[in-house]
Structures are given as C-alpha cells and as structure tokens.
N, C-alpha and C. Protein backbone atom coordinates (compact mmCIF):
# COMPACT_ATOMS: atom_id res chain seq x y z
N GLN A 1 -2.73 -16.40 37.94
CA GLN A 1 -1.29 -16.47 37.81
C GLN A 1 -0.76 -15.19 37.18
N VAL A 2 0.56 -15.02 37.22
CA VAL A 2 1.19 -13.84 36.66
C VAL A 2 0.94 -13.78 35.15
N GLN A 3 0.63 -12.58 34.68
CA GLN A 3 0.45 -12.38 33.24
C GLN A 3 1.28 -11.19 32.79
N LEU A 4 1.94 -11.37 31.66
CA LEU A 4 2.64 -10.29 30.98
C LEU A 4 2.08 -10.22 29.56
N VAL A 5 1.57 -9.07 29.18
CA VAL A 5 0.93 -8.93 27.88
C VAL A 5 1.60 -7.80 27.10
N GLU A 6 2.23 -8.18 25.99
CA GLU A 6 2.90 -7.20 25.14
C GLU A 6 1.95 -6.60 24.12
N SER A 7 2.24 -5.40 23.71
CA SER A 7 1.49 -4.74 22.64
C SER A 7 2.40 -3.72 21.97
N GLY A 8 1.95 -3.24 20.81
CA GLY A 8 2.69 -2.18 20.13
C GLY A 8 3.51 -2.62 18.94
N GLY A 9 3.54 -3.91 18.68
CA GLY A 9 4.28 -4.38 17.52
C GLY A 9 3.58 -3.98 16.22
N GLY A 10 4.27 -4.20 15.12
CA GLY A 10 3.69 -3.89 13.83
C GLY A 10 4.72 -3.94 12.72
N SER A 11 4.31 -3.45 11.56
CA SER A 11 5.18 -3.41 10.39
C SER A 11 5.54 -1.96 10.07
N VAL A 12 6.84 -1.69 9.98
CA VAL A 12 7.30 -0.34 9.70
C VAL A 12 8.41 -0.40 8.67
N GLN A 13 8.76 0.78 8.15
CA GLN A 13 9.87 0.87 7.21
C GLN A 13 11.17 1.19 7.97
N PRO A 14 12.29 0.87 7.37
CA PRO A 14 13.57 1.21 8.01
C PRO A 14 13.65 2.70 8.36
N GLY A 15 14.18 2.97 9.55
CA GLY A 15 14.30 4.34 10.01
C GLY A 15 13.14 4.82 10.85
N GLU A 16 12.05 4.10 10.82
CA GLU A 16 10.88 4.49 11.61
C GLU A 16 10.98 4.00 13.05
N SER A 17 9.96 4.34 13.83
CA SER A 17 9.97 4.02 15.27
C SER A 17 8.74 3.21 15.66
N LEU A 18 8.90 2.47 16.74
CA LEU A 18 7.80 1.78 17.40
C LEU A 18 8.03 1.84 18.90
N ARG A 19 6.92 1.77 19.64
CA ARG A 19 7.02 1.69 21.10
C ARG A 19 6.27 0.45 21.56
N LEU A 20 7.00 -0.47 22.16
CA LEU A 20 6.40 -1.67 22.71
C LEU A 20 6.02 -1.43 24.17
N SER A 21 4.92 -2.05 24.57
CA SER A 21 4.48 -1.98 25.95
C SER A 21 4.26 -3.38 26.49
N CYS A 22 4.46 -3.54 27.78
CA CYS A 22 4.21 -4.81 28.44
C CYS A 22 3.47 -4.51 29.74
N ALA A 23 2.27 -5.05 29.84
CA ALA A 23 1.45 -4.85 31.03
C ALA A 23 1.53 -6.07 31.93
N GLY A 24 1.87 -5.85 33.18
CA GLY A 24 1.96 -6.93 34.14
C GLY A 24 0.73 -6.97 35.03
N SER A 25 0.30 -8.17 35.34
CA SER A 25 -0.81 -8.33 36.28
C SER A 25 -0.51 -9.49 37.21
N ARG A 26 -1.07 -9.41 38.40
CA ARG A 26 -0.86 -10.43 39.43
C ARG A 26 0.62 -10.61 39.72
N ILE A 27 1.33 -9.49 39.78
CA ILE A 27 2.77 -9.51 40.00
C ILE A 27 3.17 -8.30 40.83
N ILE A 28 4.07 -8.53 41.80
CA ILE A 28 4.61 -7.40 42.57
C ILE A 28 5.68 -6.77 41.71
N PHE A 29 5.26 -5.97 40.77
CA PHE A 29 6.05 -5.54 39.63
C PHE A 29 7.38 -4.90 40.03
N TYR A 30 7.34 -4.03 41.04
CA TYR A 30 8.53 -3.24 41.34
C TYR A 30 9.69 -4.09 41.87
N LEU A 31 9.40 -5.31 42.30
CA LEU A 31 10.46 -6.18 42.80
C LEU A 31 11.26 -6.86 41.69
N TYR A 32 10.65 -6.93 40.53
CA TYR A 32 11.21 -7.75 39.45
C TYR A 32 12.19 -7.00 38.57
N HIS A 33 13.23 -7.71 38.16
CA HIS A 33 14.05 -7.27 37.05
C HIS A 33 13.27 -7.57 35.78
N MET A 34 13.21 -6.60 34.88
CA MET A 34 12.41 -6.74 33.67
C MET A 34 13.30 -6.66 32.43
N GLY A 35 12.83 -7.28 31.36
CA GLY A 35 13.63 -7.23 30.15
C GLY A 35 12.82 -7.46 28.89
N TRP A 36 13.40 -7.03 27.79
CA TRP A 36 12.88 -7.33 26.46
C TRP A 36 13.86 -8.26 25.76
N TYR A 37 13.32 -9.29 25.18
CA TYR A 37 14.10 -10.25 24.40
C TYR A 37 13.44 -10.39 23.03
N ARG A 38 14.19 -10.90 22.07
CA ARG A 38 13.60 -11.09 20.76
C ARG A 38 14.11 -12.38 20.13
N GLN A 39 13.29 -12.89 19.22
CA GLN A 39 13.66 -14.11 18.51
C GLN A 39 13.28 -13.96 17.05
N ALA A 40 14.28 -13.99 16.20
CA ALA A 40 14.06 -13.94 14.76
C ALA A 40 13.92 -15.36 14.22
N PRO A 41 13.29 -15.52 13.07
CA PRO A 41 13.10 -16.86 12.51
C PRO A 41 14.43 -17.59 12.35
N GLY A 42 14.48 -18.81 12.85
CA GLY A 42 15.68 -19.63 12.73
C GLY A 42 16.81 -19.27 13.67
N LYS A 43 16.55 -18.34 14.58
CA LYS A 43 17.59 -17.91 15.52
C LYS A 43 17.14 -18.13 16.96
N GLN A 44 18.13 -18.13 17.86
CA GLN A 44 17.80 -18.26 19.28
C GLN A 44 17.29 -16.93 19.84
N ARG A 45 16.55 -17.04 20.92
CA ARG A 45 16.08 -15.84 21.60
C ARG A 45 17.29 -15.10 22.18
N GLU A 46 17.30 -13.78 22.05
CA GLU A 46 18.41 -12.98 22.54
C GLU A 46 17.92 -11.80 23.36
N MET A 47 18.78 -11.36 24.28
CA MET A 47 18.46 -10.21 25.10
C MET A 47 18.56 -8.94 24.26
N VAL A 48 17.58 -8.06 24.41
CA VAL A 48 17.60 -6.76 23.76
C VAL A 48 17.97 -5.68 24.77
N ALA A 49 17.23 -5.66 25.86
CA ALA A 49 17.46 -4.65 26.90
C ALA A 49 16.87 -5.14 28.21
N THR A 50 17.51 -4.78 29.31
CA THR A 50 16.99 -5.12 30.62
C THR A 50 17.02 -3.90 31.53
N ILE A 51 16.18 -3.95 32.55
CA ILE A 51 16.15 -2.88 33.55
C ILE A 51 15.91 -3.53 34.90
N THR A 52 16.78 -3.22 35.85
CA THR A 52 16.67 -3.83 37.16
C THR A 52 15.54 -3.18 37.97
N SER A 53 15.27 -3.76 39.12
CA SER A 53 14.25 -3.19 40.00
C SER A 53 14.66 -1.80 40.47
N ALA A 54 15.97 -1.54 40.46
CA ALA A 54 16.48 -0.22 40.86
C ALA A 54 16.56 0.76 39.69
N GLY A 55 16.25 0.27 38.48
CA GLY A 55 16.23 1.15 37.33
C GLY A 55 17.50 1.17 36.50
N LYS A 56 18.44 0.29 36.81
CA LYS A 56 19.67 0.24 36.02
C LYS A 56 19.39 -0.49 34.71
N THR A 57 19.85 0.09 33.62
CA THR A 57 19.57 -0.46 32.30
C THR A 57 20.79 -1.09 31.66
N ASN A 58 20.52 -2.03 30.76
CA ASN A 58 21.57 -2.69 30.01
C ASN A 58 21.03 -2.99 28.61
N TYR A 59 21.88 -2.79 27.60
CA TYR A 59 21.43 -2.98 26.22
C TYR A 59 22.39 -3.87 25.46
N ASP A 60 21.84 -4.63 24.53
CA ASP A 60 22.70 -5.32 23.58
C ASP A 60 23.36 -4.27 22.70
N ASP A 61 24.59 -4.56 22.29
CA ASP A 61 25.33 -3.59 21.48
C ASP A 61 24.59 -3.22 20.20
N SER A 62 23.83 -4.14 19.65
CA SER A 62 23.16 -3.89 18.37
C SER A 62 22.06 -2.84 18.46
N VAL A 63 21.59 -2.53 19.67
CA VAL A 63 20.48 -1.58 19.82
C VAL A 63 20.87 -0.34 20.61
N LYS A 64 22.10 -0.30 21.12
CA LYS A 64 22.53 0.86 21.91
C LYS A 64 22.42 2.14 21.09
N GLY A 65 21.84 3.15 21.71
CA GLY A 65 21.68 4.42 21.04
C GLY A 65 20.42 4.52 20.20
N ARG A 66 19.75 3.40 19.99
CA ARG A 66 18.51 3.39 19.19
C ARG A 66 17.29 3.01 20.01
N PHE A 67 17.47 2.12 20.99
CA PHE A 67 16.36 1.63 21.80
C PHE A 67 16.50 2.18 23.22
N THR A 68 15.35 2.38 23.87
CA THR A 68 15.33 2.83 25.26
C THR A 68 14.31 2.02 26.03
N ILE A 69 14.77 1.37 27.10
CA ILE A 69 13.89 0.62 27.97
C ILE A 69 13.52 1.48 29.17
N SER A 70 12.26 1.37 29.61
CA SER A 70 11.81 2.11 30.78
C SER A 70 10.68 1.34 31.45
N ARG A 71 10.41 1.74 32.70
CA ARG A 71 9.36 1.06 33.45
C ARG A 71 8.58 2.05 34.27
N ASP A 72 7.32 1.73 34.49
CA ASP A 72 6.44 2.51 35.36
C ASP A 72 5.90 1.54 36.40
N ASN A 73 6.52 1.53 37.56
CA ASN A 73 6.14 0.54 38.58
C ASN A 73 4.72 0.76 39.08
N ALA A 74 4.29 1.99 39.18
CA ALA A 74 2.94 2.27 39.67
C ALA A 74 1.87 1.69 38.75
N GLN A 75 2.15 1.72 37.44
CA GLN A 75 1.20 1.20 36.46
C GLN A 75 1.51 -0.24 36.07
N ARG A 76 2.61 -0.76 36.60
CA ARG A 76 3.04 -2.12 36.26
C ARG A 76 3.23 -2.28 34.75
N MET A 77 3.98 -1.32 34.21
CA MET A 77 4.21 -1.31 32.77
C MET A 77 5.70 -1.28 32.47
N LEU A 78 6.06 -1.97 31.40
CA LEU A 78 7.41 -1.96 30.86
C LEU A 78 7.32 -1.47 29.43
N TYR A 79 8.29 -0.65 29.01
CA TYR A 79 8.27 -0.09 27.67
C TYR A 79 9.59 -0.31 26.95
N LEU A 80 9.50 -0.32 25.63
CA LEU A 80 10.71 -0.32 24.80
C LEU A 80 10.47 0.64 23.65
N GLN A 81 11.13 1.79 23.70
CA GLN A 81 11.08 2.74 22.60
C GLN A 81 12.15 2.35 21.59
N MET A 82 11.72 2.09 20.37
CA MET A 82 12.63 1.63 19.33
C MET A 82 12.66 2.66 18.21
N ASP A 83 13.79 3.30 18.04
CA ASP A 83 13.98 4.30 17.00
C ASP A 83 14.99 3.81 15.96
N SER A 84 14.97 4.45 14.81
CA SER A 84 15.91 4.10 13.73
C SER A 84 15.92 2.60 13.48
N LEU A 85 14.75 2.05 13.33
CA LEU A 85 14.64 0.59 13.16
C LEU A 85 15.30 0.13 11.88
N LYS A 86 15.86 -1.07 11.96
CA LYS A 86 16.56 -1.68 10.84
C LYS A 86 15.90 -3.02 10.50
N PRO A 87 16.06 -3.49 9.28
CA PRO A 87 15.48 -4.80 8.92
C PRO A 87 15.94 -5.92 9.86
N GLU A 88 17.16 -5.83 10.36
CA GLU A 88 17.65 -6.88 11.26
C GLU A 88 17.01 -6.83 12.64
N ASP A 89 16.19 -5.83 12.91
CA ASP A 89 15.43 -5.80 14.15
C ASP A 89 14.14 -6.62 14.05
N THR A 90 13.85 -7.12 12.88
CA THR A 90 12.65 -7.94 12.68
C THR A 90 12.71 -9.19 13.54
N ALA A 91 11.69 -9.39 14.37
CA ALA A 91 11.65 -10.52 15.29
C ALA A 91 10.35 -10.48 16.07
N VAL A 92 10.11 -11.53 16.82
CA VAL A 92 9.07 -11.51 17.85
C VAL A 92 9.73 -11.02 19.14
N TYR A 93 9.14 -10.00 19.74
CA TYR A 93 9.68 -9.40 20.96
C TYR A 93 8.89 -9.88 22.17
N TYR A 94 9.63 -10.30 23.19
CA TYR A 94 9.04 -10.87 24.39
C TYR A 94 9.40 -10.03 25.61
N CYS A 95 8.45 -9.92 26.49
CA CYS A 95 8.65 -9.27 27.79
C CYS A 95 8.98 -10.35 28.82
N ASN A 96 9.92 -10.06 29.71
CA ASN A 96 10.33 -11.01 30.73
C ASN A 96 10.37 -10.34 32.10
N ALA A 97 9.95 -11.08 33.11
CA ALA A 97 10.05 -10.63 34.49
C ALA A 97 10.77 -11.71 35.28
N GLU A 98 11.78 -11.29 36.05
CA GLU A 98 12.60 -12.26 36.79
C GLU A 98 12.86 -11.76 38.21
N LEU A 99 12.74 -12.70 39.14
CA LEU A 99 13.02 -12.38 40.53
C LEU A 99 13.63 -13.61 41.17
N THR A 100 14.74 -13.44 41.86
CA THR A 100 15.37 -14.54 42.57
C THR A 100 15.43 -14.21 44.04
N THR A 101 14.74 -15.04 44.83
CA THR A 101 14.82 -14.92 46.28
C THR A 101 15.36 -16.25 46.79
N THR A 102 14.56 -16.98 47.51
CA THR A 102 14.95 -18.35 47.87
C THR A 102 14.67 -19.28 46.70
N GLN A 103 13.92 -18.84 45.74
CA GLN A 103 13.71 -19.56 44.50
C GLN A 103 13.65 -18.55 43.37
N LYS A 104 13.67 -19.06 42.15
CA LYS A 104 13.66 -18.18 40.99
C LYS A 104 12.27 -18.12 40.38
N TYR A 105 11.82 -16.89 40.13
CA TYR A 105 10.56 -16.66 39.46
C TYR A 105 10.89 -16.06 38.09
N ASP A 106 10.36 -16.66 37.03
CA ASP A 106 10.72 -16.26 35.67
C ASP A 106 9.47 -16.35 34.81
N TYR A 107 9.01 -15.21 34.31
CA TYR A 107 7.77 -15.16 33.55
C TYR A 107 8.00 -14.51 32.20
N TRP A 108 7.22 -14.99 31.20
CA TRP A 108 7.33 -14.48 29.83
C TRP A 108 5.94 -14.11 29.30
N GLY A 109 5.93 -13.09 28.46
CA GLY A 109 4.73 -12.77 27.72
C GLY A 109 4.61 -13.63 26.48
N GLN A 110 3.55 -13.39 25.72
CA GLN A 110 3.28 -14.22 24.54
C GLN A 110 4.02 -13.71 23.30
N GLY A 111 4.55 -12.51 23.36
CA GLY A 111 5.31 -11.96 22.25
C GLY A 111 4.50 -11.06 21.34
N THR A 112 5.20 -10.14 20.71
CA THR A 112 4.57 -9.26 19.71
C THR A 112 5.52 -9.14 18.52
N GLN A 113 4.97 -9.22 17.32
CA GLN A 113 5.78 -9.23 16.11
C GLN A 113 6.17 -7.82 15.70
N VAL A 114 7.45 -7.67 15.41
CA VAL A 114 7.97 -6.42 14.83
C VAL A 114 8.60 -6.77 13.49
N THR A 115 8.13 -6.11 12.45
CA THR A 115 8.66 -6.34 11.11
C THR A 115 9.14 -5.02 10.53
N VAL A 116 10.39 -4.99 10.12
CA VAL A 116 10.99 -3.79 9.52
C VAL A 116 11.38 -4.13 8.09
N SER A 117 10.69 -3.51 7.16
CA SER A 117 10.91 -3.85 5.75
C SER A 117 10.52 -2.68 4.87
N SER A 118 11.26 -2.52 3.79
CA SER A 118 10.92 -1.49 2.83
C SER A 118 10.04 -2.06 1.72
C-alpha cells in the first residue's frame, strides 16, 4: 500500500531552522497534490503548506515568508524548509498526498515532532 514517511523533526531553539522530508512509496507521486499539516497538543490539525502536481504553492499566513514547500517528483520526495522557527510552530507535522479522479485518494504519514523552545 501507499506509504508516506516523514523525517527531519527535532528540538531547536527559536530562530533556528529545520528541514522536513517526506518519502513516498508505492505512489504515482507526480500526480498527487502534496501538503504539510501540523497538529499541536489540544488543537485541531491545520494546513501549513501545500503544493499542487503542477508546482503551485500555498501557505498558511502564519508561516508565509518563513517556510518553503518543495517537491522532487523523480525521487518521490516532499520537503518543508522551516526557517526562523517560533515556539508556536511546535507540533507534530504530517505529510499528505491527495488525488481526486473518479474517487478520492487521501494518504497520511505517521508524523514527525517539531519542538521549538528556548
């Protein structure tokens, strides 16, 4: 079955950077719209950034100018470069792959923890 595996999370201080990666397997990666979502303790999961199959990007206002989403279709990889991290960025970050044809295909990774604290 389709697998999405995130990596790159960790604990950093405010102002530092992290790069998250998501490796896709058993998926026709280039067809899918991809995204990063996050869920902080006690909060609902929220969209962080998305990138369409055509490469169009969209960001939540809270991360615009600090985070950059990108994809490498040949390697079936999704990335999230996170700069100028803030404590409010602390959450579990999830990779998502979505495709709608005659039916909807929606896959999630297991998540990777990002903690920003001084």
